[in-house]
C-alpha atoms as a PDB file:
ATOM      1  CA  MET A   1     -36.501 -27.633  33.216  1.00  0.00           C
ATOM      2  CA  ASN A   2     -35.251 -24.208  34.285  1.00  0.00           C
ATOM      3  CA  GLU A   3     -34.006 -21.651  31.787  1.00  0.00           C
ATOM      4  CA  VAL A   4     -30.252 -21.460  31.210  1.00  0.00           C
ATOM      5  CA  PHE A   5     -28.440 -18.138  31.628  1.00  0.00           C
ATOM      6  CA  PHE A   6     -24.855 -17.029  31.335  1.00  0.00           C
ATOM      7  CA  PHE A   7     -24.026 -15.308  34.634  1.00  0.00           C
ATOM      8  CA  ASP A   8     -21.524 -12.521  34.246  1.00  0.00           C
ATOM      9  CA  THR A   9     -19.644 -11.212  37.257  1.00  0.00           C
ATOM     10  CA  TYR A  10     -22.284  -8.535  37.862  1.00  0.00           C
ATOM     11  CA  ALA A  11     -24.986 -11.200  38.175  1.00  0.00           C
ATOM     12  CA  PHE A  12     -22.989 -13.208  40.725  1.00  0.00           C
ATOM     13  CA  ILE A  13     -22.320 -10.074  42.798  1.00  0.00           C
ATOM     14  CA  GLU A  14     -26.029  -9.188  42.857  1.00  0.00           C
ATOM     15  CA  ILE A  15     -27.054 -12.733  43.827  1.00  0.00           C
ATOM     16  CA  ILE A  16     -24.464 -12.793  46.624  1.00  0.00           C
ATOM     17  CA  ALA A  17     -25.643  -9.357  47.808  1.00  0.00           C
ATOM     18  CA  GLY A  18     -29.235 -10.638  47.926  1.00  0.00           C
ATOM     19  CA  ASN A  19     -30.619  -8.223  45.324  1.00  0.00           C
ATOM     20  CA  PRO A  20     -34.330  -9.142  45.087  1.00  0.00           C
ATOM     21  CA  LYS A  21     -34.362  -8.358  41.347  1.00  0.00           C
ATOM     22  CA  TYR A  22     -31.991 -11.312  40.853  1.00  0.00           C
ATOM     23  CA  LYS A  23     -33.918 -13.717  43.118  1.00  0.00           C
ATOM     24  CA  ARG A  24     -35.796 -15.292  40.191  1.00  0.00           C
ATOM     25  CA  PHE A  25     -32.483 -16.387  38.623  1.00  0.00           C
ATOM     26  CA  GLU A  26     -31.256 -18.361  41.638  1.00  0.00           C
ATOM     27  CA  ASP A  27     -32.874 -21.572  40.357  1.00  0.00           C
ATOM     28  CA  SER A  28     -31.701 -21.092  36.773  1.00  0.00           C
ATOM     29  CA  GLN A  29     -29.185 -23.325  35.129  1.00  0.00           C
ATOM     30  CA  ILE A  30     -25.927 -21.377  35.083  1.00  0.00           C
ATOM     31  CA  ILE A  31     -23.010 -21.154  32.708  1.00  0.00           C
ATOM     32  CA  THR A  32     -20.010 -18.890  33.283  1.00  0.00           C
ATOM     33  CA  THR A  33     -16.296 -18.810  32.494  1.00  0.00           C
ATOM     34  CA  ILE A  34     -13.124 -19.067  34.502  1.00  0.00           C
ATOM     35  CA  PHE A  35     -12.501 -15.405  33.623  1.00  0.00           C
ATOM     36  CA  ASN A  36     -15.746 -14.297  35.279  1.00  0.00           C
ATOM     37  CA  LEU A  37     -14.870 -16.296  38.387  1.00  0.00           C
ATOM     38  CA  ALA A  38     -11.409 -14.712  38.467  1.00  0.00           C
ATOM     39  CA  GLU A  39     -13.002 -11.261  38.332  1.00  0.00           C
ATOM     40  CA  LEU A  40     -15.563 -12.291  40.975  1.00  0.00           C
ATOM     41  CA  ASN A  41     -12.844 -13.583  43.284  1.00  0.00           C
ATOM     42  CA  TYR A  42     -10.908 -10.330  42.941  1.00  0.00           C
ATOM     43  CA  ILE A  43     -13.967  -8.163  43.668  1.00  0.00           C
ATOM     44  CA  LEU A  44     -15.062 -10.286  46.623  1.00  0.00           C
ATOM     45  CA  LYS A  45     -11.578 -10.295  48.170  1.00  0.00           C
ATOM     46  CA  LYS A  46     -11.728  -6.492  48.290  1.00  0.00           C
ATOM     47  CA  GLU A  47     -15.005  -6.687  50.242  1.00  0.00           C
ATOM     48  CA  MET A  48     -14.738  -9.778  52.465  1.00  0.00           C
ATOM     49  CA  SER A  49     -12.296 -12.308  53.880  1.00  0.00           C
ATOM     50  CA  LYS A  50     -10.123 -14.323  51.538  1.00  0.00           C
ATOM     51  CA  GLU A  51     -11.696 -17.536  52.854  1.00  0.00           C
ATOM     52  CA  LYS A  52     -15.268 -16.393  52.208  1.00  0.00           C
ATOM     53  CA  ALA A  53     -14.411 -15.078  48.722  1.00  0.00           C
ATOM     54  CA  ASP A  54     -12.652 -18.336  47.837  1.00  0.00           C
ATOM     55  CA  LYS A  55     -15.635 -20.330  49.123  1.00  0.00           C
ATOM     56  CA  TYR A  56     -18.034 -18.498  46.778  1.00  0.00           C
ATOM     57  CA  VAL A  57     -15.783 -19.062  43.781  1.00  0.00           C
ATOM     58  CA  GLN A  58     -15.320 -22.729  44.672  1.00  0.00           C
ATOM     59  CA  GLU A  59     -19.113 -23.101  44.884  1.00  0.00           C
ATOM     60  CA  TYR A  60     -19.534 -21.652  41.366  1.00  0.00           C
ATOM     61  CA  GLU A  61     -16.709 -23.689  39.786  1.00  0.00           C
ATOM     62  CA  LYS A  62     -19.145 -26.368  38.610  1.00  0.00           C
ATOM     63  CA  TYR A  63     -20.728 -23.866  36.183  1.00  0.00           C
ATOM     64  CA  ILE A  64     -17.581 -23.159  34.164  1.00  0.00           C
ATOM     65  CA  ALA A  65     -17.944 -23.641  30.405  1.00  0.00           C
ATOM     66  CA  GLU A  66     -15.052 -24.195  28.054  1.00  0.00           C
ATOM     67  CA  VAL A  67     -13.718 -21.109  26.293  1.00  0.00           C
ATOM     68  CA  THR A  68     -12.430 -21.807  22.797  1.00  0.00           C
ATOM     69  CA  ILE A  69      -9.814 -19.931  20.805  1.00  0.00           C
ATOM     70  CA  GLU A  70     -12.638 -18.883  18.462  1.00  0.00           C
ATOM     71  CA  ASP A  71     -14.474 -17.419  21.487  1.00  0.00           C
ATOM     72  CA  ILE A  72     -11.354 -15.449  22.414  1.00  0.00           C
ATOM     73  CA  LYS A  73     -10.907 -14.083  18.886  1.00  0.00           C
ATOM     74  CA  ASN A  74     -14.562 -13.060  18.622  1.00  0.00           C
ATOM     75  CA  ALA A  75     -14.534 -11.544  22.106  1.00  0.00           C
ATOM     76  CA  MET A  76     -11.459  -9.443  21.363  1.00  0.00           C
ATOM     77  CA  ASP A  77     -13.150  -8.167  18.172  1.00  0.00           C
ATOM     78  CA  LEU A  78     -15.991  -6.965  20.411  1.00  0.00           C
ATOM     79  CA  LYS A  79     -13.525  -5.490  22.931  1.00  0.00           C
ATOM     80  CA  ILE A  80     -11.823  -3.482  20.155  1.00  0.00           C
ATOM     81  CA  ARG A  81     -15.199  -2.039  19.119  1.00  0.00           C
ATOM     82  CA  ASP A  82     -16.459  -1.465  22.685  1.00  0.00           C
ATOM     83  CA  LYS A  83     -13.466  -0.562  24.821  1.00  0.00           C
ATOM     84  CA  GLN A  84     -15.331   0.057  28.104  1.00  0.00           C
ATOM     85  CA  LEU A  85     -16.381  -3.592  28.407  1.00  0.00           C
ATOM     86  CA  SER A  86     -14.188  -5.852  30.547  1.00  0.00           C
ATOM     87  CA  ILE A  87     -12.318  -8.765  29.021  1.00  0.00           C
ATOM     88  CA  PRO A  88     -14.114 -11.318  31.245  1.00  0.00           C
ATOM     89  CA  ASP A  89     -17.463  -9.909  30.156  1.00  0.00           C
ATOM     90  CA  VAL A  90     -16.774  -9.843  26.402  1.00  0.00           C
ATOM     91  CA  VAL A  91     -15.524 -13.431  26.624  1.00  0.00           C
ATOM     92  CA  GLY A  92     -18.635 -14.387  28.583  1.00  0.00           C
ATOM     93  CA  TYR A  93     -20.948 -12.619  26.165  1.00  0.00           C
ATOM     94  CA  THR A  94     -19.312 -14.472  23.282  1.00  0.00           C
ATOM     95  CA  VAL A  95     -19.672 -17.833  25.057  1.00  0.00           C
ATOM     96  CA  ALA A  96     -23.344 -17.067  25.812  1.00  0.00           C
ATOM     97  CA  LYS A  97     -23.919 -16.377  22.110  1.00  0.00           C
ATOM     98  CA  ARG A  98     -22.254 -19.667  21.176  1.00  0.00           C
ATOM     99  CA  TYR A  99     -24.529 -21.541  23.605  1.00  0.00           C
ATOM    100  CA  ASN A 100     -27.510 -19.508  22.367  1.00  0.00           C
ATOM    101  CA  ILE A 101     -28.461 -18.432  25.897  1.00  0.00           C
ATOM    102  CA  LYS A 102     -29.083 -15.033  27.447  1.00  0.00           C
ATOM    103  CA  PHE A 103     -26.225 -13.113  29.067  1.00  0.00           C
ATOM    104  CA  LEU A 104     -27.447 -12.024  32.529  1.00  0.00           C
ATOM    105  CA  THR A 105     -25.997  -8.690  33.626  1.00  0.00           C
ATOM    106  CA  GLY A 106     -26.647  -5.217  34.963  1.00  0.00           C
ATOM    107  CA  ASP A 107     -23.554  -3.840  33.263  1.00  0.00           C
ATOM    108  CA  GLN A 108     -24.638  -0.690  31.410  1.00  0.00           C
ATOM    109  CA  GLY A 109     -22.357  -1.531  28.483  1.00  0.00           C
ATOM    110  CA  PHE A 110     -24.602  -4.469  27.605  1.00  0.00           C
ATOM    111  CA  LYS A 111     -27.982  -2.733  28.035  1.00  0.00           C
ATOM    112  CA  ASP A 112     -28.830  -2.499  24.339  1.00  0.00           C
ATOM    113  CA  LYS A 113     -27.035  -5.594  23.069  1.00  0.00           C
ATOM    114  CA  MET A 114     -28.897  -8.569  21.652  1.00  0.00           C
ATOM    115  CA  ASN A 115     -29.274 -11.743  23.699  1.00  0.00           C
ATOM    116  CA  VAL A 116     -28.941  -9.902  27.040  1.00  0.00           C
ATOM    117  CA  GLU A 117     -31.149 -10.118  30.114  1.00  0.00           C
ATOM    118  CA  PHE A 118     -30.401  -6.687  31.590  1.00  0.00           C
ATOM    119  CA  ILE A 119     -31.345  -6.284  35.252  1.00  0.00           C
ATOM    120  CA  LYS A 120     -30.089  -3.135  37.002  1.00  0.00           C
ATOM    121  CA  LYS A 121     -29.921  -2.733  40.773  1.00  0.00           C
END
């Protein structure tokens, strides 16, 4: 069975862009949140057609995990302490911790945090 990772928006962008450093994660089991897919859709729509961006997000919909109120409260505690992190990413990081899986990202704000698989471009 393949390892499970939480894909943050950064990870999806790198996979879509074909970054070879992210190739090994393509066969992983994926968990993400609706917030990360919202952020992904926004970023992609700035770079490609609406139809193509929507197609990517639709493809990743099956990986959405539930976000609880407790996740939101814990994530906003982290956001207060670490203001440069995005709301989708602090929510995702919190969900990854709850599932006890690694948070896959290249976002510099997560480089030294526990439970993170940090892969930079």
